[in-house]
Amino acid sequence: MKKFNVLTAVLVAGLSLVTAQVVSAQPMEQERGGSMEHRHGGPEGMGRMLKGLDLTDAQRQQIDKLTSAFAAQKPNPAEHKALADKVVSLVRADVFDEVAARQLLEQQQGQMLEHGLARLKLQHDIRSILTPEQKEKLDARMERMRDKMVERKKS
């Protein structure tokens, strides 16, 4: 029974990590033009948060440059598929290989860590481009978003 629980936990954790990474590696849709404001959410949802901040053309260009560099760093979806295939192989094996499972999970965690660091750096760099007034607006918007998320979790 304990072996089944460990196997189930590894399968769920592995598949959810790989799925999240594959989804985040998908190219962003562009509705109109190439500016950050017009992207469907922009990288990591920043487009919606920046909308209405009255960005200057220079700010838009800087943000587009940053987000393009961030998007170029995203891992290859084929790598994620390979990891997902390894997870499936581990689960389907007659004998559970804990060492291989640990290595696979450590590899996935390393990738998630690097992506998370890059995302935080992007957010910091974008914020540094904004004026103090724009930062205030952004902070207020983010606070409202957090409040909405808390309310949704209560429901």
Protein backbone atom coordinates (compact mmCIF):
# COMPACT_ATOMS: atom_id res chain seq x y z
CA MET A 1 0.00 0.00 0.00
CA LYS A 2 2.83 2.40 0.89
CA LYS A 3 4.45 1.71 -2.49
CA PHE A 4 1.17 2.57 -4.23
CA ASN A 5 0.87 5.87 -2.32
CA VAL A 6 4.43 6.88 -3.21
CA LEU A 7 3.85 5.90 -6.82
CA THR A 8 0.62 7.88 -6.95
CA ALA A 9 2.27 10.93 -5.37
CA VAL A 10 5.15 10.81 -7.86
CA LEU A 11 2.75 10.44 -10.78
CA VAL A 12 0.52 13.31 -9.70
CA ALA A 13 3.44 15.61 -8.86
CA GLY A 14 5.31 14.78 -12.04
CA LEU A 15 2.37 15.14 -14.38
CA SER A 16 1.21 18.38 -12.79
CA LEU A 17 4.72 19.87 -13.01
CA VAL A 18 5.18 18.82 -16.60
CA THR A 19 1.70 19.99 -17.58
CA ALA A 20 2.27 23.39 -15.96
CA GLN A 21 5.59 23.76 -17.74
CA VAL A 22 4.21 22.73 -21.12
CA VAL A 23 1.30 25.15 -20.78
CA SER A 24 3.61 28.00 -19.77
CA ALA A 25 5.88 27.25 -22.73
CA GLN A 26 3.11 27.82 -25.28
CA PRO A 27 3.57 30.94 -27.44
CA MET A 28 1.49 33.95 -26.47
CA GLU A 29 -1.39 34.99 -28.71
CA GLN A 30 -1.20 38.47 -30.08
CA GLU A 31 -4.50 40.20 -30.68
CA ARG A 32 -3.25 43.41 -32.27
CA GLY A 33 0.23 44.63 -33.03
CA GLY A 34 3.18 43.76 -30.87
CA SER A 35 2.91 46.08 -27.91
CA MET A 36 2.66 44.67 -24.43
CA GLU A 37 -0.75 46.23 -23.80
CA HIS A 38 -2.33 44.42 -26.73
CA ARG A 39 -1.14 40.92 -25.97
CA HIS A 40 -3.57 38.44 -24.51
CA GLY A 41 -2.31 38.75 -20.96
CA GLY A 42 1.33 39.14 -21.94
CA PRO A 43 4.03 37.00 -20.38
CA GLU A 44 2.94 35.83 -16.97
CA GLY A 45 -0.22 37.97 -17.07
CA MET A 46 1.64 41.27 -16.95
CA GLY A 47 -0.21 42.72 -19.96
CA ARG A 48 -3.51 43.01 -18.13
CA MET A 49 -1.85 44.45 -15.06
CA LEU A 50 -0.11 47.16 -17.10
CA LYS A 51 -3.19 48.11 -19.06
CA GLY A 52 -4.46 51.54 -18.12
CA LEU A 53 -1.14 52.74 -16.67
CA ASP A 54 -0.69 55.21 -19.55
CA LEU A 55 2.66 53.82 -20.62
CA THR A 56 4.78 56.01 -22.88
CA ASP A 57 6.01 54.66 -26.20
CA ALA A 58 9.51 54.37 -24.73
CA GLN A 59 8.16 52.35 -21.78
CA ARG A 60 6.20 50.08 -24.12
CA GLN A 61 9.32 49.46 -26.22
CA GLN A 62 11.39 48.66 -23.14
CA ILE A 63 8.73 46.30 -21.80
CA ASP A 64 8.35 44.60 -25.19
CA LYS A 65 12.11 44.09 -25.29
CA LEU A 66 12.12 42.58 -21.80
CA THR A 67 9.15 40.29 -22.47
CA SER A 68 10.60 39.14 -25.79
CA ALA A 69 13.85 38.22 -24.06
CA PHE A 70 11.89 36.37 -21.38
CA ALA A 71 9.85 34.47 -23.97
CA ALA A 72 13.05 33.46 -25.78
CA GLN A 73 14.34 31.84 -22.57
CA LYS A 74 11.41 29.48 -22.26
CA PRO A 75 12.35 25.82 -22.51
CA ASN A 76 11.62 23.77 -25.58
CA PRO A 77 8.22 22.01 -25.37
CA ALA A 78 9.89 18.86 -26.72
CA GLU A 79 11.98 18.72 -23.54
CA HIS A 80 8.80 18.83 -21.47
CA LYS A 81 7.27 16.04 -23.51
CA ALA A 82 10.39 13.96 -22.93
CA LEU A 83 10.07 14.53 -19.17
CA ALA A 84 6.38 13.62 -19.27
CA ASP A 85 7.25 10.42 -21.15
CA LYS A 86 9.82 9.56 -18.46
CA VAL A 87 7.19 10.05 -15.75
CA VAL A 88 4.81 7.75 -17.58
CA SER A 89 7.57 5.17 -18.00
CA LEU A 90 8.30 5.27 -14.26
CA VAL A 91 4.66 4.73 -13.41
CA ARG A 92 4.19 1.92 -15.89
CA ALA A 93 7.35 0.05 -14.88
CA ASP A 94 6.90 -3.27 -13.10
CA VAL A 95 9.32 -2.15 -10.39
CA PHE A 96 9.37 1.40 -9.06
CA ASP A 97 12.78 3.06 -9.49
CA GLU A 98 12.98 5.58 -6.66
CA VAL A 99 16.41 6.86 -7.72
CA ALA A 100 15.19 7.62 -11.24
CA ALA A 101 12.03 9.23 -9.84
CA ARG A 102 14.10 11.48 -7.56
CA GLN A 103 16.37 12.49 -10.42
CA LEU A 104 13.40 13.29 -12.63
CA LEU A 105 11.67 15.34 -9.94
CA GLU A 106 14.90 17.20 -9.13
CA GLN A 107 15.31 18.00 -12.82
CA GLN A 108 11.74 19.32 -13.00
CA GLN A 109 12.17 21.35 -9.83
CA GLY A 110 15.39 22.85 -11.18
CA GLN A 111 13.63 23.94 -14.34
CA MET A 112 10.73 25.40 -12.37
CA LEU A 113 13.16 27.26 -10.11
CA GLU A 114 14.98 28.81 -13.06
CA HIS A 115 11.71 29.79 -14.74
CA GLY A 116 10.40 31.29 -11.50
CA LEU A 117 13.56 33.33 -11.01
CA ALA A 118 13.40 34.61 -14.58
CA ARG A 119 9.72 35.54 -14.12
CA LEU A 120 10.45 37.45 -10.90
CA LYS A 121 13.35 39.26 -12.56
CA LEU A 122 11.07 40.20 -15.46
CA GLN A 123 8.46 41.59 -13.08
CA HIS A 124 11.12 43.54 -11.19
CA ASP A 125 12.64 44.92 -14.40
CA ILE A 126 9.22 45.98 -15.70
CA ARG A 127 8.40 47.66 -12.41
CA SER A 128 11.70 49.58 -12.52
CA ILE A 129 10.60 51.14 -15.83
CA LEU A 130 7.43 52.60 -14.34
CA THR A 131 7.06 56.06 -12.84
CA PRO A 132 6.14 56.38 -9.14
CA GLU A 133 2.53 57.18 -10.10
CA GLN A 134 2.33 54.14 -12.35
CA LYS A 135 3.77 51.98 -9.57
CA GLU A 136 1.06 53.23 -7.20
CA LYS A 137 -1.66 52.36 -9.73
CA LEU A 138 -0.10 48.95 -10.32
CA ASP A 139 0.15 48.25 -6.59
CA ALA A 140 -3.50 49.19 -6.07
CA ARG A 141 -4.56 46.98 -8.98
CA MET A 142 -2.52 44.05 -7.64
CA GLU A 143 -4.03 44.50 -4.18
CA ARG A 144 -7.55 44.39 -5.65
CA MET A 145 -6.60 41.25 -7.57
CA ARG A 146 -5.30 39.59 -4.39
CA ASP A 147 -8.51 40.50 -2.57
CA LYS A 148 -10.60 38.96 -5.36
CA MET A 149 -8.53 35.79 -5.26
CA VAL A 150 -9.00 35.51 -1.49
CA GLU A 151 -12.75 35.94 -1.91
CA ARG A 152 -12.86 33.24 -4.61
CA LYS A 153 -11.05 30.80 -2.34
CA LYS A 154 -13.58 31.44 0.42
CA SER A 155 -16.49 30.59 -1.89
